[in-house]
């Protein structure tokens, strides 16, 4: 029996090639042929985040590998991983078509497969700007597995809802956060509502790492997410780490008095103080903005002056 077990084990290891998808939602796929390697390299984004980077050559080799497979012979896992490769190569349109077809396949009942299809289809729709459809499928994915991605997909939902609202009304919450997180209106963040900061930092960090793979500055929504993350980091980790993410929020295009005030406060601190947390200091109110004349008041004054000038001109003409 032992003599028979070892060859069977070796055959099984050849038949199943284990794949880990670092950014999206990959699946382990059963194939006899060896899959081309895809090595993810981590690139630091500040002191706390790592963003996955992939070799274009390896991605193209992987795409060719899947494209050369007979469609009828591809497993669900292979089709999902093929779509991930297409998305990473900037072709979410082709991926959308394949994933949409998979989503209609009633023979697929495995929860891991259903989750991967729904989540990746939502991502493809989002990259194509189809935010309503993206929201539908991300919600479907959460219904299948709410704990995936460290339970952070609620962030994805909130960001999509913000995008949809922004499409309908461009003036919607121009400077406010998309996640409705409240860290106060002082020059240092406060955790007034007792949020679980460790969990929140993990969830926001996860979503940022995923989105930074696709999104480059400027992007105001990313700026909002970075600002929320910086607020959590200032309270949970250190002001020094938070400073980097406040600065990146500005780089990504967030323009708010609160961001400016918090950056100004940190820039005035010593290196020793920056090692501490926001809760170690007393937060101060933002400086009062300089007085500005109301545009309607100015218009009213100008109109009154015009009336006075006309009156005097008429009186002068009458007297002459």
C-alpha atoms as a PDB file:
ATOM      1  CA  UNK A   1       0.000   0.000   0.000  1.00  0.00           C
ATOM      2  CA  UNK A   2       2.835   2.412   0.863  1.00  0.00           C
ATOM      3  CA  UNK A   3       4.539   1.618  -2.467  1.00  0.00           C
ATOM      4  CA  UNK A   4       1.325   2.525  -4.291  1.00  0.00           C
ATOM      5  CA  UNK A   5       0.682   5.697  -2.261  1.00  0.00           C
ATOM      6  CA  UNK A   6       3.875   7.586  -3.241  1.00  0.00           C
ATOM      7  CA  UNK A   7       3.380   7.431  -7.036  1.00  0.00           C
ATOM      8  CA  UNK A   8      -0.264   8.404  -6.601  1.00  0.00           C
ATOM      9  CA  UNK A   9       0.781  11.400  -4.495  1.00  0.00           C
ATOM     10  CA  UNK A  10       3.311  12.493  -7.126  1.00  0.00           C
ATOM     11  CA  UNK A  11       0.714  12.157  -9.882  1.00  0.00           C
ATOM     12  CA  UNK A  12      -1.759  14.239  -7.855  1.00  0.00           C
ATOM     13  CA  UNK A  13       0.826  17.004  -7.311  1.00  0.00           C
ATOM     14  CA  UNK A  14       1.507  17.166 -11.062  1.00  0.00           C
ATOM     15  CA  UNK A  15      -2.199  17.216 -11.908  1.00  0.00           C
ATOM     16  CA  UNK A  16      -3.040  20.110  -9.591  1.00  0.00           C
ATOM     17  CA  UNK A  17      -1.138  23.339  -9.900  1.00  0.00           C
ATOM     18  CA  UNK A  18      -1.749  25.696  -6.977  1.00  0.00           C
ATOM     19  CA  UNK A  19      -2.161  29.350  -7.874  1.00  0.00           C
ATOM     20  CA  UNK A  20      -2.411  32.277  -5.478  1.00  0.00           C
ATOM     21  CA  UNK A  21      -3.849  35.521  -6.842  1.00  0.00           C
ATOM     22  CA  UNK A  22      -2.559  38.358  -4.665  1.00  0.00           C
ATOM     23  CA  UNK A  23      -4.750  41.197  -5.881  1.00  0.00           C
ATOM     24  CA  UNK A  24      -8.073  40.013  -7.279  1.00  0.00           C
ATOM     25  CA  UNK A  25      -9.778  36.642  -6.759  1.00  0.00           C
ATOM     26  CA  UNK A  26      -7.978  33.692  -8.306  1.00  0.00           C
ATOM     27  CA  UNK A  27      -8.809  29.995  -7.982  1.00  0.00           C
ATOM     28  CA  UNK A  28      -6.769  26.792  -7.726  1.00  0.00           C
ATOM     29  CA  UNK A  29      -7.084  25.171 -11.120  1.00  0.00           C
ATOM     30  CA  UNK A  30      -6.848  21.486 -12.103  1.00  0.00           C
ATOM     31  CA  UNK A  31      -4.662  21.154 -15.205  1.00  0.00           C
ATOM     32  CA  UNK A  32      -2.089  18.641 -16.347  1.00  0.00           C
ATOM     33  CA  UNK A  33       0.050  21.179 -18.196  1.00  0.00           C
ATOM     34  CA  UNK A  34       2.393  23.403 -16.172  1.00  0.00           C
ATOM     35  CA  UNK A  35       1.133  26.980 -15.865  1.00  0.00           C
ATOM     36  CA  UNK A  36       3.611  29.777 -16.725  1.00  0.00           C
ATOM     37  CA  UNK A  37       4.866  31.423 -13.564  1.00  0.00           C
ATOM     38  CA  UNK A  38       3.515  34.787 -12.459  1.00  0.00           C
ATOM     39  CA  UNK A  39       5.659  36.266  -9.729  1.00  0.00           C
ATOM     40  CA  UNK A  40       4.173  39.167  -7.799  1.00  0.00           C
ATOM     41  CA  UNK A  41       6.684  41.719  -6.566  1.00  0.00           C
ATOM     42  CA  UNK A  42       5.729  44.026  -3.729  1.00  0.00           C
ATOM     43  CA  UNK A  43       6.432  47.733  -4.054  1.00  0.00           C
ATOM     44  CA  UNK A  44       6.224  49.853  -0.929  1.00  0.00           C
ATOM     45  CA  UNK A  45       3.702  52.671  -0.785  1.00  0.00           C
ATOM     46  CA  UNK A  46       4.733  54.524   2.319  1.00  0.00           C
ATOM     47  CA  UNK A  47       5.584  52.857   5.633  1.00  0.00           C
ATOM     48  CA  UNK A  48       2.560  50.542   5.883  1.00  0.00           C
ATOM     49  CA  UNK A  49       1.294  49.469   2.444  1.00  0.00           C
ATOM     50  CA  UNK A  50       2.622  47.120  -0.236  1.00  0.00           C
ATOM     51  CA  UNK A  51       1.310  47.147  -3.818  1.00  0.00           C
ATOM     52  CA  UNK A  52       1.676  44.056  -6.021  1.00  0.00           C
ATOM     53  CA  UNK A  53       3.495  44.510  -9.325  1.00  0.00           C
ATOM     54  CA  UNK A  54       3.649  41.984 -12.158  1.00  0.00           C
ATOM     55  CA  UNK A  55       5.987  41.479 -15.092  1.00  0.00           C
ATOM     56  CA  UNK A  56       4.288  42.383 -18.380  1.00  0.00           C
ATOM     57  CA  UNK A  57       6.184  39.582 -20.110  1.00  0.00           C
ATOM     58  CA  UNK A  58       4.909  37.034 -17.593  1.00  0.00           C
ATOM     59  CA  UNK A  59       1.353  38.345 -17.904  1.00  0.00           C
ATOM     60  CA  UNK A  60       1.482  38.129 -21.711  1.00  0.00           C
ATOM     61  CA  UNK A  61       2.881  34.580 -21.485  1.00  0.00           C
ATOM     62  CA  UNK A  62       0.052  33.633 -19.143  1.00  0.00           C
ATOM     63  CA  UNK A  63      -2.549  35.186 -21.443  1.00  0.00           C
ATOM     64  CA  UNK A  64      -1.158  33.232 -24.412  1.00  0.00           C
ATOM     65  CA  UNK A  65      -1.207  30.043 -22.350  1.00  0.00           C
ATOM     66  CA  UNK A  66      -4.915  30.441 -21.601  1.00  0.00           C
ATOM     67  CA  UNK A  67      -5.793  31.711 -25.092  1.00  0.00           C
ATOM     68  CA  UNK A  68      -4.225  28.582 -26.633  1.00  0.00           C
ATOM     69  CA  UNK A  69      -6.369  26.274 -24.503  1.00  0.00           C
ATOM     70  CA  UNK A  70      -9.448  24.712 -26.082  1.00  0.00           C
ATOM     71  CA  UNK A  71     -12.469  26.676 -24.736  1.00  0.00           C
ATOM     72  CA  UNK A  72     -14.412  23.472 -24.171  1.00  0.00           C
ATOM     73  CA  UNK A  73     -11.557  22.019 -22.172  1.00  0.00           C
ATOM     74  CA  UNK A  74     -11.082  24.983 -19.836  1.00  0.00           C
ATOM     75  CA  UNK A  75     -12.165  24.533 -16.239  1.00  0.00           C
ATOM     76  CA  UNK A  76     -14.077  27.229 -14.364  1.00  0.00           C
ATOM     77  CA  UNK A  77     -10.877  27.963 -12.456  1.00  0.00           C
ATOM     78  CA  UNK A  78      -8.885  28.434 -15.667  1.00  0.00           C
ATOM     79  CA  UNK A  79     -11.523  30.764 -17.101  1.00  0.00           C
ATOM     80  CA  UNK A  80     -11.554  32.898 -13.939  1.00  0.00           C
ATOM     81  CA  UNK A  81      -7.766  33.108 -13.831  1.00  0.00           C
ATOM     82  CA  UNK A  82      -7.669  33.950 -17.543  1.00  0.00           C
ATOM     83  CA  UNK A  83     -10.014  36.859 -16.810  1.00  0.00           C
ATOM     84  CA  UNK A  84      -7.742  38.046 -13.996  1.00  0.00           C
ATOM     85  CA  UNK A  85      -4.828  38.061 -16.409  1.00  0.00           C
ATOM     86  CA  UNK A  86      -6.813  40.100 -18.935  1.00  0.00           C
ATOM     87  CA  UNK A  87      -7.817  42.619 -16.256  1.00  0.00           C
ATOM     88  CA  UNK A  88      -4.221  43.004 -15.135  1.00  0.00           C
ATOM     89  CA  UNK A  89      -3.230  43.630 -18.742  1.00  0.00           C
ATOM     90  CA  UNK A  90      -5.811  46.401 -19.014  1.00  0.00           C
ATOM     91  CA  UNK A  91      -8.489  44.465 -20.913  1.00  0.00           C
ATOM     92  CA  UNK A  92     -11.498  44.348 -18.558  1.00  0.00           C
ATOM     93  CA  UNK A  93     -13.873  44.360 -21.540  1.00  0.00           C
ATOM     94  CA  UNK A  94     -12.932  40.865 -22.707  1.00  0.00           C
ATOM     95  CA  UNK A  95     -12.881  39.665 -19.103  1.00  0.00           C
ATOM     96  CA  UNK A  96     -16.373  41.077 -18.545  1.00  0.00           C
ATOM     97  CA  UNK A  97     -17.788  39.035 -21.415  1.00  0.00           C
ATOM     98  CA  UNK A  98     -16.301  35.773 -20.139  1.00  0.00           C
ATOM     99  CA  UNK A  99     -17.258  36.411 -16.511  1.00  0.00           C
ATOM    100  CA  UNK A 100     -20.808  37.433 -17.461  1.00  0.00           C
ATOM    101  CA  UNK A 101     -21.169  34.147 -19.337  1.00  0.00           C
ATOM    102  CA  UNK A 102     -19.878  32.228 -16.321  1.00  0.00           C
ATOM    103  CA  UNK A 103     -22.323  34.068 -14.057  1.00  0.00           C
ATOM    104  CA  UNK A 104     -25.211  32.627 -16.103  1.00  0.00           C
ATOM    105  CA  UNK A 105     -23.957  29.040 -15.821  1.00  0.00           C
ATOM    106  CA  UNK A 106     -26.396  27.346 -13.429  1.00  0.00           C
ATOM    107  CA  UNK A 107     -24.207  24.242 -13.214  1.00  0.00           C
ATOM    108  CA  UNK A 108     -21.669  26.185 -11.122  1.00  0.00           C
ATOM    109  CA  UNK A 109     -22.590  25.700  -7.461  1.00  0.00           C
ATOM    110  CA  UNK A 110     -19.243  25.844  -5.651  1.00  0.00           C
ATOM    111  CA  UNK A 111     -19.208  28.892  -3.340  1.00  0.00           C
ATOM    112  CA  UNK A 112     -15.535  29.715  -4.008  1.00  0.00           C
ATOM    113  CA  UNK A 113     -16.153  29.737  -7.745  1.00  0.00           C
ATOM    114  CA  UNK A 114     -19.358  31.763  -7.417  1.00  0.00           C
ATOM    115  CA  UNK A 115     -17.623  34.320  -5.206  1.00  0.00           C
ATOM    116  CA  UNK A 116     -14.657  34.700  -7.567  1.00  0.00           C
ATOM    117  CA  UNK A 117     -16.962  35.145 -10.568  1.00  0.00           C
ATOM    118  CA  UNK A 118     -19.131  37.761  -8.826  1.00  0.00           C
ATOM    119  CA  UNK A 119     -16.248  39.736  -7.297  1.00  0.00           C
ATOM    120  CA  UNK A 120     -14.162  39.798 -10.463  1.00  0.00           C
ATOM    121  CA  UNK A 121     -17.164  40.672 -12.628  1.00  0.00           C
ATOM    122  CA  UNK A 122     -17.857  43.589 -10.278  1.00  0.00           C
ATOM    123  CA  UNK A 123     -14.253  44.742 -10.610  1.00  0.00           C
ATOM    124  CA  UNK A 124     -14.365  44.469 -14.416  1.00  0.00           C
ATOM    125  CA  UNK A 125     -17.565  46.530 -14.541  1.00  0.00           C
ATOM    126  CA  UNK A 126     -16.037  49.174 -12.276  1.00  0.00           C
ATOM    127  CA  UNK A 127     -12.939  49.487 -14.464  1.00  0.00           C
ATOM    128  CA  UNK A 128     -15.258  49.927 -17.453  1.00  0.00           C
ATOM    129  CA  UNK A 129     -17.132  52.713 -15.659  1.00  0.00           C
ATOM    130  CA  UNK A 130     -20.325  50.642 -15.301  1.00  0.00           C
ATOM    131  CA  UNK A 131     -20.725  51.442 -11.629  1.00  0.00           C
ATOM    132  CA  UNK A 132     -24.363  50.363 -11.201  1.00  0.00           C
ATOM    133  CA  UNK A 133     -23.524  46.897 -12.525  1.00  0.00           C
ATOM    134  CA  UNK A 134     -20.334  46.833 -10.470  1.00  0.00           C
ATOM    135  CA  UNK A 135     -22.275  47.573  -7.288  1.00  0.00           C
ATOM    136  CA  UNK A 136     -24.773  44.801  -8.061  1.00  0.00           C
ATOM    137  CA  UNK A 137     -22.054  42.175  -8.441  1.00  0.00           C
ATOM    138  CA  UNK A 138     -19.928  43.287  -5.508  1.00  0.00           C
ATOM    139  CA  UNK A 139     -23.033  43.015  -3.326  1.00  0.00           C
ATOM    140  CA  UNK A 140     -23.625  39.530  -4.754  1.00  0.00           C
ATOM    141  CA  UNK A 141     -20.062  38.606  -3.812  1.00  0.00           C
ATOM    142  CA  UNK A 142     -20.531  39.891  -0.252  1.00  0.00           C
ATOM    143  CA  UNK A 143     -23.731  37.856   0.067  1.00  0.00           C
ATOM    144  CA  UNK A 144     -21.692  34.748  -0.787  1.00  0.00           C
ATOM    145  CA  UNK A 145     -18.741  35.532   1.512  1.00  0.00           C
ATOM    146  CA  UNK A 146     -18.839  38.672   3.636  1.00  0.00           C
ATOM    147  CA  UNK A 147     -15.483  37.894   5.280  1.00  0.00           C
ATOM    148  CA  UNK A 148     -13.408  37.793   2.104  1.00  0.00           C
ATOM    149  CA  UNK A 149     -10.724  40.471   1.704  1.00  0.00           C
ATOM    150  CA  UNK A 150     -10.537  40.786   5.489  1.00  0.00           C
ATOM    151  CA  UNK A 151     -14.172  41.858   5.609  1.00  0.00           C
ATOM    152  CA  UNK A 152     -13.305  45.047   3.725  1.00  0.00           C
ATOM    153  CA  UNK A 153     -15.732  44.874   0.801  1.00  0.00           C
ATOM    154  CA  UNK A 154     -18.118  47.271   2.559  1.00  0.00           C
ATOM    155  CA  UNK A 155     -15.511  49.885   1.599  1.00  0.00           C
ATOM    156  CA  UNK A 156     -15.834  48.835  -2.045  1.00  0.00           C
ATOM    157  CA  UNK A 157     -19.621  49.208  -1.808  1.00  0.00           C
ATOM    158  CA  UNK A 158     -19.377  52.692  -0.278  1.00  0.00           C
ATOM    159  CA  UNK A 159     -16.933  53.849  -2.960  1.00  0.00           C
ATOM    160  CA  UNK A 160     -19.210  52.597  -5.728  1.00  0.00           C
ATOM    161  CA  UNK A 161     -22.224  54.289  -4.144  1.00  0.00           C
ATOM    162  CA  UNK A 162     -20.235  57.519  -4.018  1.00  0.00           C
ATOM    163  CA  UNK A 163     -19.298  57.187  -7.705  1.00  0.00           C
ATOM    164  CA  UNK A 164     -22.925  56.621  -8.676  1.00  0.00           C
ATOM    165  CA  UNK A 165     -24.090  59.633  -6.646  1.00  0.00           C
ATOM    166  CA  UNK A 166     -21.325  61.736  -8.184  1.00  0.00           C
ATOM    167  CA  UNK A 167     -22.412  60.754 -11.686  1.00  0.00           C
ATOM    168  CA  UNK A 168     -25.951  61.905 -10.941  1.00  0.00           C
ATOM    169  CA  UNK A 169     -24.868  65.098  -9.169  1.00  0.00           C
ATOM    170  CA  UNK A 170     -21.304  66.348  -9.848  1.00  0.00           C
ATOM    171  CA  UNK A 171     -21.485  68.639  -6.791  1.00  0.00           C
ATOM    172  CA  UNK A 172     -22.200  65.695  -4.449  1.00  0.00           C
ATOM    173  CA  UNK A 173     -19.925  65.754  -1.359  1.00  0.00           C
ATOM    174  CA  UNK A 174     -17.069  67.432  -3.179  1.00  0.00           C
ATOM    175  CA  UNK A 175     -14.813  67.648  -0.104  1.00  0.00           C
ATOM    176  CA  UNK A 176     -16.425  65.137   2.264  1.00  0.00           C
ATOM    177  CA  UNK A 177     -15.354  61.529   2.690  1.00  0.00           C
ATOM    178  CA  UNK A 178     -17.014  58.780   0.668  1.00  0.00           C
ATOM    179  CA  UNK A 179     -17.074  56.361   3.622  1.00  0.00           C
ATOM    180  CA  UNK A 180     -18.995  58.591   6.064  1.00  0.00           C
ATOM    181  CA  UNK A 181     -16.299  58.152   8.723  1.00  0.00           C
ATOM    182  CA  UNK A 182     -16.193  60.970  11.271  1.00  0.00           C
ATOM    183  CA  UNK A 183     -12.830  61.884  12.782  1.00  0.00           C
ATOM    184  CA  UNK A 184     -13.903  65.332  13.925  1.00  0.00           C
ATOM    185  CA  UNK A 185     -13.239  68.805  12.570  1.00  0.00           C
ATOM    186  CA  UNK A 186     -10.094  69.672  14.559  1.00  0.00           C
ATOM    187  CA  UNK A 187      -6.468  69.796  13.388  1.00  0.00           C
ATOM    188  CA  UNK A 188      -5.860  66.264  14.694  1.00  0.00           C
ATOM    189  CA  UNK A 189      -8.253  63.332  14.182  1.00  0.00           C
ATOM    190  CA  UNK A 190     -10.342  62.042  17.078  1.00  0.00           C
ATOM    191  CA  UNK A 191     -12.095  58.710  17.580  1.00  0.00           C
ATOM    192  CA  UNK A 192     -15.201  60.195  19.163  1.00  0.00           C
ATOM    193  CA  UNK A 193     -17.452  57.275  18.219  1.00  0.00           C
ATOM    194  CA  UNK A 194     -15.160  54.483  19.448  1.00  0.00           C
ATOM    195  CA  UNK A 195     -14.482  52.848  16.087  1.00  0.00           C
ATOM    196  CA  UNK A 196     -12.384  49.669  16.015  1.00  0.00           C
ATOM    197  CA  UNK A 197      -9.243  51.349  14.692  1.00  0.00           C
ATOM    198  CA  UNK A 198      -7.127  48.211  14.255  1.00  0.00           C
ATOM    199  CA  UNK A 199      -9.819  46.538  12.153  1.00  0.00           C
ATOM    200  CA  UNK A 200     -10.509  49.729  10.220  1.00  0.00           C
ATOM    201  CA  UNK A 201      -6.820  50.260   9.441  1.00  0.00           C
ATOM    202  CA  UNK A 202      -6.555  46.695   8.155  1.00  0.00           C
ATOM    203  CA  UNK A 203      -9.666  47.011   5.971  1.00  0.00           C
ATOM    204  CA  UNK A 204      -8.828  50.413   4.489  1.00  0.00           C
ATOM    205  CA  UNK A 205      -5.243  49.307   3.900  1.00  0.00           C
ATOM    206  CA  UNK A 206      -6.412  46.201   2.049  1.00  0.00           C
ATOM    207  CA  UNK A 207      -8.680  48.197  -0.246  1.00  0.00           C
ATOM    208  CA  UNK A 208      -5.984  50.793  -0.901  1.00  0.00           C
ATOM    209  CA  UNK A 209      -3.447  48.129  -1.859  1.00  0.00           C
ATOM    210  CA  UNK A 210      -5.894  46.610  -4.341  1.00  0.00           C
ATOM    211  CA  UNK A 211      -6.916  49.940  -5.877  1.00  0.00           C
ATOM    212  CA  UNK A 212      -3.384  51.344  -6.119  1.00  0.00           C
ATOM    213  CA  UNK A 213      -2.628  48.554  -8.600  1.00  0.00           C
ATOM    214  CA  UNK A 214      -5.078  50.114 -11.077  1.00  0.00           C
ATOM    215  CA  UNK A 215      -5.450  53.788 -10.134  1.00  0.00           C
ATOM    216  CA  UNK A 216      -2.889  56.545 -10.551  1.00  0.00           C
ATOM    217  CA  UNK A 217      -3.028  60.163  -9.359  1.00  0.00           C
ATOM    218  CA  UNK A 218      -4.946  62.366  -9.738  1.00  0.00           C
ATOM    219  CA  UNK A 219      -8.095  60.682  -8.463  1.00  0.00           C
ATOM    220  CA  UNK A 220     -10.112  62.552  -5.839  1.00  0.00           C
ATOM    221  CA  UNK A 221     -11.925  59.444  -4.611  1.00  0.00           C
ATOM    222  CA  UNK A 222      -8.583  57.778  -3.893  1.00  0.00           C
ATOM    223  CA  UNK A 223      -7.562  60.998  -2.153  1.00  0.00           C
ATOM    224  CA  UNK A 224     -10.596  60.667   0.132  1.00  0.00           C
ATOM    225  CA  UNK A 225      -9.751  57.037   0.905  1.00  0.00           C
ATOM    226  CA  UNK A 226      -6.142  57.963   1.664  1.00  0.00           C
ATOM    227  CA  UNK A 227      -7.327  60.779   3.942  1.00  0.00           C
ATOM    228  CA  UNK A 228      -9.535  58.388   5.926  1.00  0.00           C
ATOM    229  CA  UNK A 229      -6.656  55.912   6.119  1.00  0.00           C
ATOM    230  CA  UNK A 230      -4.273  58.634   7.324  1.00  0.00           C
ATOM    231  CA  UNK A 231      -6.731  59.605  10.060  1.00  0.00           C
ATOM    232  CA  UNK A 232      -6.886  56.005  11.290  1.00  0.00           C
ATOM    233  CA  UNK A 233      -3.096  55.630  11.112  1.00  0.00           C
ATOM    234  CA  UNK A 234      -2.626  58.854  13.105  1.00  0.00           C
ATOM    235  CA  UNK A 235      -4.785  57.413  15.882  1.00  0.00           C
ATOM    236  CA  UNK A 236      -3.658  53.786  15.717  1.00  0.00           C
ATOM    237  CA  UNK A 237       0.000  53.749  14.592  1.00  0.00           C
ATOM    238  CA  UNK A 238       1.901  57.050  14.509  1.00  0.00           C
ATOM    239  CA  UNK A 239       1.686  60.603  13.251  1.00  0.00           C
ATOM    240  CA  UNK A 240       4.836  60.062  11.197  1.00  0.00           C
ATOM    241  CA  UNK A 241       3.222  57.229   9.221  1.00  0.00           C
ATOM    242  CA  UNK A 242       0.010  59.232   8.888  1.00  0.00           C
ATOM    243  CA  UNK A 243       1.903  62.217   7.484  1.00  0.00           C
ATOM    244  CA  UNK A 244       2.894  60.275   4.364  1.00  0.00           C
ATOM    245  CA  UNK A 245      -0.705  59.267   3.644  1.00  0.00           C
ATOM    246  CA  UNK A 246      -2.025  62.792   4.278  1.00  0.00           C
ATOM    247  CA  UNK A 247       0.524  64.011   1.726  1.00  0.00           C
ATOM    248  CA  UNK A 248      -0.571  61.329  -0.747  1.00  0.00           C
ATOM    249  CA  UNK A 249      -4.218  62.321  -0.276  1.00  0.00           C
ATOM    250  CA  UNK A 250      -3.181  65.775  -1.461  1.00  0.00           C
ATOM    251  CA  UNK A 251      -1.173  64.311  -4.371  1.00  0.00           C
ATOM    252  CA  UNK A 252      -4.256  62.360  -5.481  1.00  0.00           C
ATOM    253  CA  UNK A 253      -6.241  65.585  -5.636  1.00  0.00           C
ATOM    254  CA  UNK A 254      -8.129  65.930  -2.349  1.00  0.00           C
ATOM    255  CA  UNK A 255      -8.468  69.611  -1.552  1.00  0.00           C
ATOM    256  CA  UNK A 256      -9.958  70.375   1.855  1.00  0.00           C
ATOM    257  CA  UNK A 257      -9.315  72.777   4.724  1.00  0.00           C
ATOM    258  CA  UNK A 258      -9.258  69.845   7.151  1.00  0.00           C
ATOM    259  CA  UNK A 259      -6.519  68.032   5.226  1.00  0.00           C
ATOM    260  CA  UNK A 260      -4.471  71.241   5.043  1.00  0.00           C
ATOM    261  CA  UNK A 261      -4.882  71.886   8.777  1.00  0.00           C
ATOM    262  CA  UNK A 262      -3.785  68.367   9.727  1.00  0.00           C
ATOM    263  CA  UNK A 263      -0.787  68.494   7.430  1.00  0.00           C
ATOM    264  CA  UNK A 264       0.187  71.908   8.816  1.00  0.00           C
ATOM    265  CA  UNK A 265      -0.051  70.578  12.375  1.00  0.00           C
ATOM    266  CA  UNK A 266       2.177  67.586  11.625  1.00  0.00           C
ATOM    267  CA  UNK A 267       4.705  69.614   9.657  1.00  0.00           C
ATOM    268  CA  UNK A 268       5.213  71.786  12.725  1.00  0.00           C
ATOM    269  CA  UNK A 269       6.051  68.826  14.986  1.00  0.00           C
ATOM    270  CA  UNK A 270       9.451  67.531  16.012  1.00  0.00           C
ATOM    271  CA  UNK A 271      10.640  64.069  14.866  1.00  0.00           C
ATOM    272  CA  UNK A 272      10.143  62.835  18.424  1.00  0.00           C
ATOM    273  CA  UNK A 273       6.528  64.008  18.566  1.00  0.00           C
ATOM    274  CA  UNK A 274       5.783  62.453  15.184  1.00  0.00           C
ATOM    275  CA  UNK A 275       6.529  59.032  16.683  1.00  0.00           C
ATOM    276  CA  UNK A 276       3.493  59.462  18.942  1.00  0.00           C
ATOM    277  CA  UNK A 277      -0.218  59.121  18.193  1.00  0.00           C
ATOM    278  CA  UNK A 278      -2.818  61.825  17.669  1.00  0.00           C
ATOM    279  CA  UNK A 279      -4.431  60.976  21.003  1.00  0.00           C
ATOM    280  CA  UNK A 280      -1.217  62.039  22.793  1.00  0.00           C
ATOM    281  CA  UNK A 281      -1.872  65.678  21.868  1.00  0.00           C
ATOM    282  CA  UNK A 282      -4.651  68.185  22.305  1.00  0.00           C
ATOM    283  CA  UNK A 283      -6.438  68.834  19.045  1.00  0.00           C
ATOM    284  CA  UNK A 284      -7.059  72.474  18.193  1.00  0.00           C
ATOM    285  CA  UNK A 285      -9.813  74.169  16.223  1.00  0.00           C
ATOM    286  CA  UNK A 286      -9.015  75.163  12.671  1.00  0.00           C
ATOM    287  CA  UNK A 287      -8.040  78.817  12.222  1.00  0.00           C
ATOM    288  CA  UNK A 288     -10.884  81.074  11.203  1.00  0.00           C
ATOM    289  CA  UNK A 289     -10.860  81.723   7.452  1.00  0.00           C
ATOM    290  CA  UNK A 290     -10.305  85.350   6.455  1.00  0.00           C
ATOM    291  CA  UNK A 291     -13.509  87.336   6.186  1.00  0.00           C
ATOM    292  CA  UNK A 292     -14.920  87.280   2.690  1.00  0.00           C
ATOM    293  CA  UNK A 293     -17.575  89.554   1.283  1.00  0.00           C
ATOM    294  CA  UNK A 294     -20.707  87.747   0.299  1.00  0.00           C
ATOM    295  CA  UNK A 295     -21.108  87.989  -3.467  1.00  0.00           C
ATOM    296  CA  UNK A 296     -24.731  89.038  -3.082  1.00  0.00           C
ATOM    297  CA  UNK A 297     -23.780  91.790  -0.619  1.00  0.00           C
ATOM    298  CA  UNK A 298     -21.185  93.105  -3.063  1.00  0.00           C
ATOM    299  CA  UNK A 299     -23.706  93.039  -5.912  1.00  0.00           C
ATOM    300  CA  UNK A 300     -26.200  94.910  -3.744  1.00  0.00           C
ATOM    301  CA  UNK A 301     -23.688  97.610  -2.844  1.00  0.00           C
ATOM    302  CA  UNK A 302     -22.700  98.074  -6.490  1.00  0.00           C
ATOM    303  CA  UNK A 303     -26.352  98.356  -7.500  1.00  0.00           C
ATOM    304  CA  UNK A 304     -26.959 100.960  -4.780  1.00  0.00           C
ATOM    305  CA  UNK A 305     -23.926 102.951  -5.917  1.00  0.00           C
ATOM    306  CA  UNK A 306     -25.196 102.847  -9.480  1.00  0.00           C
ATOM    307  CA  UNK A 307     -28.576 104.224  -8.360  1.00  0.00           C
ATOM    308  CA  UNK A 308     -26.870 107.031  -6.421  1.00  0.00           C
ATOM    309  CA  UNK A 309     -24.683 107.950  -9.403  1.00  0.00           C
ATOM    310  CA  UNK A 310     -27.680 108.015 -11.743  1.00  0.00           C
ATOM    311  CA  UNK A 311     -29.637 110.142  -9.237  1.00  0.00           C
ATOM    312  CA  UNK A 312     -26.869 112.740  -8.979  1.00  0.00           C
ATOM    313  CA  UNK A 313     -26.430 112.836 -12.736  1.00  0.00           C
ATOM    314  CA  UNK A 314     -30.145 113.459 -13.192  1.00  0.00           C
ATOM    315  CA  UNK A 315     -30.122 116.167 -10.508  1.00  0.00           C
ATOM    316  CA  UNK A 316     -27.128 117.826 -12.130  1.00  0.00           C
ATOM    317  CA  UNK A 317     -28.827 117.784 -15.515  1.00  0.00           C
ATOM    318  CA  UNK A 318     -32.039 119.207 -13.989  1.00  0.00           C
ATOM    319  CA  UNK A 319     -30.193 122.052 -12.266  1.00  0.00           C
ATOM    320  CA  UNK A 320     -28.311 122.955 -15.421  1.00  0.00           C
END
